[in-house]
C-alpha cells in the first residue's frame, strides 16, 4: 500500500477547495424540490407499492424518476468532482409514515450509489437518534448519542442523512472542505503533512468479528489518481489508545490533530448548514468533514430527533489503492467502504482459503 501512496506537497486547487463564507449566501450546493419533483417522488413510491418490492430490495429501476434522475446525476458529479456536498430541500416527510419516508430516502439514493453496511450487524438503513448511550462506552457510535460530534468523516464514499424530526435545541450541523484544511496545514505546518500519510490506529468500537483485532491501521490522507482523499475521526484515533498493543500517539500526532480540529472549526473554513425537517444532506467523506453540536431533545417520544442514515458507494466514485479504507470483500468499488457484517466474515472463515478485512 505504501508504495502507491504519494505525498502531495503542493496546495490543491479546484472546486473541492472552498471556504465556508464564500458559500454561505450561495444556493449552488442546494436543490430545492419543486412541487412537480415531489409529485415524481410520490409517483415512484406508487410504483414500488404496486410491484410489492420490499424496502431493502428497491433498486433505481423500481423507483423511476424521469426528470429527477438527471438532477441526481448532476448531484453525483458535484459530490465526486465538485464541492463534495449537496443539500436537497425539502422532502415533505410530515405527509408520510416513517416507512414511506424511508422508502423515498432509499429509492432516491439508489440513483446515486449502492448502500453499504454501517455496522457489523449488517444494517444498511440506519437511524441517528439518542439512545441514552455515551461515547465513554467503547461500543457506542456517535449517531447513537446526543453528544456533540467534532469534525470527522464516516466509513463510506458518501453519507446520506434525511431529517424526519428535529431536536428541541442544538444539533447544529457544519461541513468543511478537506482540501482547504490540507492547504492550511501545508501552509502553517508543512512538517506535519507527511504524518497524514502514515498508518494511524483507529478503534473499531466493538464492531469487529470474533477473532478480529479491535482496531485497524490506515493512513489519514491519500493522493491517488489526481485526487486528494482524507479520512479523519479523532475520537476513534484516541480511543484506540485503550489497547496496549497500539503504538502510543506521538506529540507531533497530537499537534496535527489539534491543528485539523482548529482549522475545521474556524469561521474562515467551515460552513454552517441549516439541516431542517425534510432536508436530505449528502456528503462525500473523501472530500468533506462534518460535525454536529450537542442537542437537547423533546420530552415526547414522537417528537424526538430522528435522522435516517445511509452509507453509499458511489457508482462513479474515485479510484483508491485497493483495500486502503474499504473492505475488499464488501466494497462495490475501490474505496467504497462499509463495515463487513459478522455473518459475512463467518462465511469467509468457513470457506477454504477464505480471508477477510473489516476496513
Protein backbone atom coordinates (compact mmCIF):
# COMPACT_ATOMS: atom_id res chain seq x y z
CA UNK A 1 0.00 0.00 0.00
CA UNK A 2 2.71 2.45 0.94
CA UNK A 3 4.38 2.01 -2.46
CA UNK A 4 1.43 3.56 -4.30
CA UNK A 5 0.70 6.38 -1.87
CA UNK A 6 2.46 9.60 -2.75
CA UNK A 7 2.73 12.65 -0.51
CA UNK A 8 1.17 15.75 -2.06
CA UNK A 9 3.39 18.72 -1.26
CA UNK A 10 1.57 21.46 -3.13
CA UNK A 11 -1.71 23.22 -2.49
CA UNK A 12 -4.85 21.86 -4.09
CA UNK A 13 -6.97 23.95 -6.41
CA UNK A 14 -10.37 23.44 -8.00
CA UNK A 15 -13.95 23.10 -6.84
CA UNK A 16 -13.09 20.75 -3.97
CA UNK A 17 -11.27 23.66 -2.30
CA UNK A 18 -13.81 26.05 -0.82
CA UNK A 19 -14.24 28.29 2.18
CA UNK A 20 -17.48 28.42 4.13
CA UNK A 21 -18.07 32.20 3.98
CA UNK A 22 -17.86 32.07 0.17
CA UNK A 23 -20.73 29.56 0.02
CA UNK A 24 -22.87 30.82 2.90
CA UNK A 25 -25.06 33.03 0.70
CA UNK A 26 -24.96 30.76 -2.34
CA UNK A 27 -27.55 28.25 -3.49
CA UNK A 28 -25.16 26.35 -5.75
CA UNK A 29 -24.98 23.49 -3.22
CA UNK A 30 -28.75 23.42 -2.61
CA UNK A 31 -31.52 21.72 -4.59
CA UNK A 32 -34.96 22.98 -3.65
CA UNK A 33 -37.51 20.43 -4.77
CA UNK A 34 -40.39 21.77 -6.85
CA UNK A 35 -43.97 20.53 -6.46
CA UNK A 36 -43.54 18.63 -9.73
CA UNK A 37 -40.41 16.90 -8.42
CA UNK A 38 -42.19 15.94 -5.20
CA UNK A 39 -45.01 14.51 -7.32
CA UNK A 40 -42.38 12.48 -9.17
CA UNK A 41 -41.06 11.04 -5.89
CA UNK A 42 -44.59 10.07 -4.87
CA UNK A 43 -45.25 8.51 -8.28
CA UNK A 44 -42.10 6.42 -7.86
CA UNK A 45 -43.36 5.39 -4.42
CA UNK A 46 -46.58 4.13 -6.00
CA UNK A 47 -44.55 2.04 -8.45
CA UNK A 48 -42.76 0.38 -5.53
CA UNK A 49 -46.06 -0.34 -3.81
CA UNK A 50 -47.70 -1.67 -6.98
CA UNK A 51 -44.79 -4.04 -7.53
CA UNK A 52 -44.71 -5.11 -3.89
CA UNK A 53 -40.94 -4.67 -3.66
CA UNK A 54 -39.55 -4.88 -0.08
CA UNK A 55 -37.79 -1.71 1.02
CA UNK A 56 -34.23 -3.04 1.01
CA UNK A 57 -34.78 -4.67 -2.39
CA UNK A 58 -35.84 -1.43 -4.10
CA UNK A 59 -33.49 -0.54 -6.96
CA UNK A 60 -33.26 2.56 -9.13
CA UNK A 61 -35.33 0.70 -11.72
CA UNK A 62 -38.07 0.13 -9.14
CA UNK A 63 -38.05 3.84 -8.27
CA UNK A 64 -38.28 5.65 -11.64
CA UNK A 65 -37.51 9.37 -11.63
CA UNK A 66 -37.89 10.59 -15.24
CA UNK A 67 -36.64 14.14 -14.61
CA UNK A 68 -35.12 13.97 -11.14
CA UNK A 69 -32.70 11.27 -12.29
CA UNK A 70 -30.91 13.93 -14.34
CA UNK A 71 -30.64 16.17 -11.28
CA UNK A 72 -29.30 13.27 -9.25
CA UNK A 73 -26.66 12.56 -11.92
CA UNK A 74 -25.57 16.20 -11.57
CA UNK A 75 -25.52 15.82 -7.79
CA UNK A 76 -23.34 12.71 -8.08
CA UNK A 77 -20.89 14.75 -10.12
CA UNK A 78 -20.89 17.56 -7.54
CA UNK A 79 -20.26 15.03 -4.77
CA UNK A 80 -17.30 13.46 -6.56
CA UNK A 81 -15.88 16.32 -8.63
CA UNK A 82 -17.29 19.47 -7.07
CA UNK A 83 -17.78 20.83 -3.56
CA UNK A 84 -18.38 17.33 -2.20
CA UNK A 85 -21.74 18.04 -0.55
CA UNK A 86 -25.33 18.83 -1.53
CA UNK A 87 -28.43 19.73 0.47
CA UNK A 88 -31.77 18.65 -1.01
CA UNK A 89 -34.64 20.70 0.44
CA UNK A 90 -37.45 19.89 1.16
CA UNK A 91 -38.96 16.41 1.08
CA UNK A 92 -42.37 16.73 2.78
CA UNK A 93 -41.77 14.00 5.35
CA UNK A 94 -44.60 15.29 7.54
CA UNK A 95 -47.00 13.80 4.98
CA UNK A 96 -45.56 10.33 5.29
CA UNK A 97 -45.25 7.47 7.70
CA UNK A 98 -41.74 6.52 8.76
CA UNK A 99 -41.89 3.54 6.40
CA UNK A 100 -42.92 5.73 3.47
CA UNK A 101 -40.22 8.32 4.18
CA UNK A 102 -37.68 5.51 4.42
CA UNK A 103 -38.73 4.16 1.02
CA UNK A 104 -38.38 7.58 -0.60
CA UNK A 105 -34.99 8.08 1.04
CA UNK A 106 -33.79 4.66 -0.07
CA UNK A 107 -35.19 4.87 -3.59
CA UNK A 108 -33.82 8.33 -4.28
CA UNK A 109 -30.34 7.33 -3.12
CA UNK A 110 -30.39 4.24 -5.33
CA UNK A 111 -29.89 6.68 -8.22
CA UNK A 112 -26.61 7.82 -6.64
CA UNK A 113 -24.97 4.63 -5.46
CA UNK A 114 -25.16 1.35 -3.60
CA UNK A 115 -25.83 1.25 0.15
CA UNK A 116 -23.12 -0.48 2.19
CA UNK A 117 -23.21 -1.81 5.72
CA UNK A 118 -22.91 0.75 8.53
CA UNK A 119 -22.10 -1.72 11.30
CA UNK A 120 -21.11 -5.31 11.99
CA UNK A 121 -24.79 -6.27 12.31
CA UNK A 122 -25.12 -5.55 8.59
CA UNK A 123 -27.54 -2.62 8.88
CA UNK A 124 -27.69 -0.60 5.67
CA UNK A 125 -30.55 1.75 6.60
CA UNK A 126 -29.59 3.42 9.86
CA UNK A 127 -31.26 5.73 12.38
CA UNK A 128 -29.41 8.58 14.07
CA UNK A 129 -31.14 9.28 17.36
CA UNK A 130 -30.37 9.47 21.06
CA UNK A 131 -30.39 6.02 22.66
CA UNK A 132 -29.16 7.24 26.04
CA UNK A 133 -25.68 5.91 25.38
CA UNK A 134 -22.47 7.92 25.61
CA UNK A 135 -19.19 7.88 23.75
CA UNK A 136 -17.48 6.90 27.01
CA UNK A 137 -18.80 3.42 26.21
CA UNK A 138 -16.38 1.97 23.60
CA UNK A 139 -19.24 0.03 21.98
CA UNK A 140 -21.12 3.26 21.19
CA UNK A 141 -21.08 5.19 17.92
CA UNK A 142 -21.71 8.92 17.74
CA UNK A 143 -25.03 8.73 15.89
CA UNK A 144 -26.47 6.79 18.86
CA UNK A 145 -25.95 9.74 21.21
CA UNK A 146 -26.97 13.38 21.60
CA UNK A 147 -23.37 14.37 22.29
CA UNK A 148 -21.54 16.85 20.13
CA UNK A 149 -19.63 15.20 17.30
CA UNK A 150 -16.44 17.05 16.33
CA UNK A 151 -15.48 17.29 12.67
CA UNK A 152 -14.93 13.82 11.25
CA UNK A 153 -15.63 11.53 8.30
CA UNK A 154 -17.62 8.29 8.08
CA UNK A 155 -16.60 4.96 6.56
CA UNK A 156 -18.07 5.13 3.04
CA UNK A 157 -17.84 7.19 -0.14
CA UNK A 158 -20.97 9.16 0.73
CA UNK A 159 -23.04 9.77 3.85
CA UNK A 160 -26.74 10.49 3.33
CA UNK A 161 -28.91 11.98 6.10
CA UNK A 162 -32.65 12.66 5.95
CA UNK A 163 -34.11 14.63 8.86
CA UNK A 164 -37.50 13.27 10.00
CA UNK A 165 -37.67 15.11 13.35
CA UNK A 166 -35.50 17.92 14.66
CA UNK A 167 -34.23 18.35 18.20
CA UNK A 168 -35.67 20.88 20.63
CA UNK A 169 -32.35 22.73 20.51
CA UNK A 170 -28.83 22.19 19.29
CA UNK A 171 -27.78 19.59 16.69
CA UNK A 172 -26.24 22.32 14.56
CA UNK A 173 -24.58 20.80 11.51
CA UNK A 174 -21.45 22.10 9.79
CA UNK A 175 -19.24 20.98 6.92
CA UNK A 176 -15.72 21.87 5.83
CA UNK A 177 -13.56 21.18 2.78
CA UNK A 178 -10.88 18.57 3.45
CA UNK A 179 -8.73 20.07 0.71
CA UNK A 180 -8.97 23.53 2.28
CA UNK A 181 -7.81 22.05 5.59
CA UNK A 182 -4.96 20.29 3.80
CA UNK A 183 -3.85 23.53 2.14
CA UNK A 184 -3.88 25.29 5.50
CA UNK A 185 -1.83 22.55 7.17
CA UNK A 186 0.63 22.72 4.28
CA UNK A 187 0.94 26.49 4.70
CA UNK A 188 1.18 26.57 8.50
CA UNK A 189 2.90 23.32 9.40
CA UNK A 190 4.46 21.68 6.34
CA UNK A 191 6.46 19.49 8.71
CA UNK A 192 3.22 17.72 9.72
CA UNK A 193 1.88 16.97 6.23
CA UNK A 194 3.78 13.73 5.73
CA UNK A 195 2.36 12.47 9.03
CA UNK A 196 -1.10 12.40 7.41
CA UNK A 197 0.13 9.59 5.15
CA UNK A 198 1.44 7.41 7.95
CA UNK A 199 -0.57 4.50 9.31
CA UNK A 200 -2.68 5.59 12.27
CA UNK A 201 -4.63 3.27 14.54
CA UNK A 202 -8.39 3.66 14.95
CA UNK A 203 -10.78 1.93 17.33
CA UNK A 204 -13.35 -0.39 15.73
CA UNK A 205 -15.75 0.48 18.58
CA UNK A 206 -16.54 -3.20 19.18
CA UNK A 207 -17.64 -3.70 15.55
CA UNK A 208 -15.03 -6.40 14.91
CA UNK A 209 -15.89 -10.03 14.25
CA UNK A 210 -14.75 -12.77 16.64
CA UNK A 211 -11.03 -13.24 16.29
CA UNK A 212 -10.54 -9.84 14.65
CA UNK A 213 -8.34 -7.19 16.19
CA UNK A 214 -10.44 -4.44 17.80
CA UNK A 215 -8.57 -1.71 15.92
CA UNK A 216 -7.24 -1.12 12.44
CA UNK A 217 -4.42 0.92 10.91
CA UNK A 218 -4.84 3.24 7.93
CA UNK A 219 -3.37 6.50 6.61
CA UNK A 220 -5.42 9.66 7.08
CA UNK A 221 -4.65 11.04 3.62
CA UNK A 222 -4.25 9.62 0.14
CA UNK A 223 -3.14 11.37 -3.04
CA UNK A 224 -4.04 8.99 -5.85
CA UNK A 225 -5.37 9.30 -9.38
CA UNK A 226 -5.14 13.07 -9.23
CA UNK A 227 -7.44 13.32 -6.21
CA UNK A 228 -6.81 14.06 -2.57
CA UNK A 229 -8.82 11.97 -0.10
CA UNK A 230 -8.85 12.42 3.67
CA UNK A 231 -10.40 10.29 6.41
CA UNK A 232 -10.31 11.58 9.97
CA UNK A 233 -12.02 10.67 13.23
CA UNK A 234 -10.15 11.90 16.29
CA UNK A 235 -12.43 10.13 18.75
CA UNK A 236 -11.53 6.77 17.22
CA UNK A 237 -7.86 7.68 16.93
CA UNK A 238 -7.75 8.47 20.65
CA UNK A 239 -9.94 5.64 21.89
CA UNK A 240 -7.68 3.14 20.10
CA UNK A 241 -5.10 4.07 22.72
CA UNK A 242 -7.02 1.88 25.19
CA UNK A 243 -5.33 -1.12 23.61
CA UNK A 244 -1.81 -1.64 24.99
CA UNK A 245 -0.52 -3.11 21.74
CA UNK A 246 -1.41 0.04 19.75
CA UNK A 247 1.57 2.40 19.44
CA UNK A 248 1.28 5.49 21.61
CA UNK A 249 0.40 8.78 19.94
CA UNK A 250 3.44 10.96 19.48
CA UNK A 251 3.45 14.66 20.41
CA UNK A 252 3.50 15.54 16.71
CA UNK A 253 0.36 13.42 16.17
CA UNK A 254 -1.47 15.44 18.80
CA UNK A 255 -0.22 18.67 17.23
CA UNK A 256 -1.57 17.51 13.87
CA UNK A 257 -4.97 16.55 15.31
CA UNK A 258 -5.18 19.84 17.20
CA UNK A 259 -4.43 21.77 14.03
CA UNK A 260 -7.01 19.86 11.97
CA UNK A 261 -9.67 20.47 14.64
CA UNK A 262 -8.77 24.16 14.88
CA UNK A 263 -8.92 24.65 11.12
CA UNK A 264 -12.12 22.64 10.65
CA UNK A 265 -13.95 24.66 13.27
CA UNK A 266 -12.66 28.03 12.17
CA UNK A 267 -15.18 30.52 10.73
CA UNK A 268 -12.76 31.06 7.83
CA UNK A 269 -13.23 27.49 6.61
CA UNK A 270 -16.41 25.89 7.96
CA UNK A 271 -19.93 26.25 6.61
CA UNK A 272 -22.88 26.01 9.00
CA UNK A 273 -25.82 24.19 7.42
CA UNK A 274 -29.48 24.67 8.29
CA UNK A 275 -30.40 21.00 8.38
CA UNK A 276 -34.17 21.03 8.89
CA UNK A 277 -37.05 18.57 8.83
CA UNK A 278 -37.39 17.16 5.32
CA UNK A 279 -33.82 18.01 4.30
CA UNK A 280 -31.53 15.41 2.73
CA UNK A 281 -27.83 16.13 3.24
CA UNK A 282 -25.30 14.25 1.10
CA UNK A 283 -21.57 14.36 1.94
CA UNK A 284 -18.57 12.85 0.20
CA UNK A 285 -16.43 11.52 3.06
CA UNK A 286 -13.27 11.73 0.94
CA UNK A 287 -13.71 15.46 0.37
CA UNK A 288 -15.68 16.86 3.31
CA UNK A 289 -15.60 16.64 7.11
CA UNK A 290 -18.82 17.20 9.05
CA UNK A 291 -19.81 17.92 12.63
CA UNK A 292 -22.89 18.16 14.84
CA UNK A 293 -23.28 20.05 18.08
CA UNK A 294 -24.78 18.53 21.22
CA UNK A 295 -28.56 18.70 21.38
CA UNK A 296 -31.49 18.66 23.76
CA UNK A 297 -34.47 16.57 22.78
CA UNK A 298 -38.21 16.95 23.17
CA UNK A 299 -39.86 15.08 26.02
CA UNK A 300 -42.45 13.38 23.79
CA UNK A 301 -41.17 10.21 22.14
CA UNK A 302 -42.78 11.01 18.79
CA UNK A 303 -41.04 14.41 18.66
CA UNK A 304 -37.51 13.26 19.47
CA UNK A 305 -34.81 13.94 16.92
CA UNK A 306 -34.73 11.24 14.24
CA UNK A 307 -32.49 11.21 11.19
CA UNK A 308 -32.36 8.42 8.61
CA UNK A 309 -28.81 7.46 7.64
CA UNK A 310 -27.22 5.74 4.63
CA UNK A 311 -23.66 4.92 3.69
CA UNK A 312 -23.29 4.82 -0.09
CA UNK A 313 -20.70 3.55 -2.52
CA UNK A 314 -20.85 5.98 -5.43
CA UNK A 315 -21.24 4.29 -8.79
CA UNK A 316 -18.84 6.77 -10.34
CA UNK A 317 -16.64 7.15 -7.26
CA UNK A 318 -12.93 7.79 -7.21
CA UNK A 319 -10.22 5.19 -7.57
CA UNK A 320 -8.21 4.43 -4.45
CA UNK A 321 -5.50 1.87 -3.76
CA UNK A 322 -7.28 -1.47 -3.17
CA UNK A 323 -8.01 -2.08 0.48
CA UNK A 324 -6.86 1.39 1.55
CA UNK A 325 -10.00 2.16 3.57
CA UNK A 326 -12.61 -0.26 2.28
CA UNK A 327 -13.14 -3.95 2.82
CA UNK A 328 -12.21 -5.64 -0.49
CA UNK A 329 -14.82 -8.33 0.16
CA UNK A 330 -17.63 -5.84 0.76
CA UNK A 331 -16.80 -2.88 -1.45
CA UNK A 332 -18.69 -2.15 -4.65
CA UNK A 333 -15.65 -0.35 -5.99
CA UNK A 334 -12.29 0.86 -4.71
CA UNK A 335 -12.67 2.86 -1.55
CA UNK A 336 -16.43 2.49 -1.26
CA UNK A 337 -16.04 1.32 2.31
CA UNK A 338 -18.59 -0.07 4.72
CA UNK A 339 -18.19 -2.42 7.67
CA UNK A 340 -18.26 -6.11 6.87
CA UNK A 341 -21.17 -7.83 8.68
CA UNK A 342 -20.19 -10.57 11.11
CA UNK A 343 -22.19 -13.21 9.27
CA UNK A 344 -20.25 -12.47 6.08
CA UNK A 345 -16.97 -12.75 7.98
CA UNK A 346 -18.12 -16.09 9.42
CA UNK A 347 -18.91 -17.42 5.93
CA UNK A 348 -15.48 -16.35 4.72
CA UNK A 349 -13.90 -18.22 7.60
CA UNK A 350 -15.82 -21.35 6.63
CA UNK A 351 -14.68 -21.22 3.00
CA UNK A 352 -11.38 -22.94 2.22
CA UNK A 353 -8.78 -20.23 1.87
CA UNK A 354 -11.25 -17.57 2.98
CA UNK A 355 -9.80 -14.27 4.11
CA UNK A 356 -11.22 -11.04 5.44
CA UNK A 357 -10.60 -7.48 6.46
CA UNK A 358 -13.17 -5.25 8.07
CA UNK A 359 -11.96 -1.98 6.59
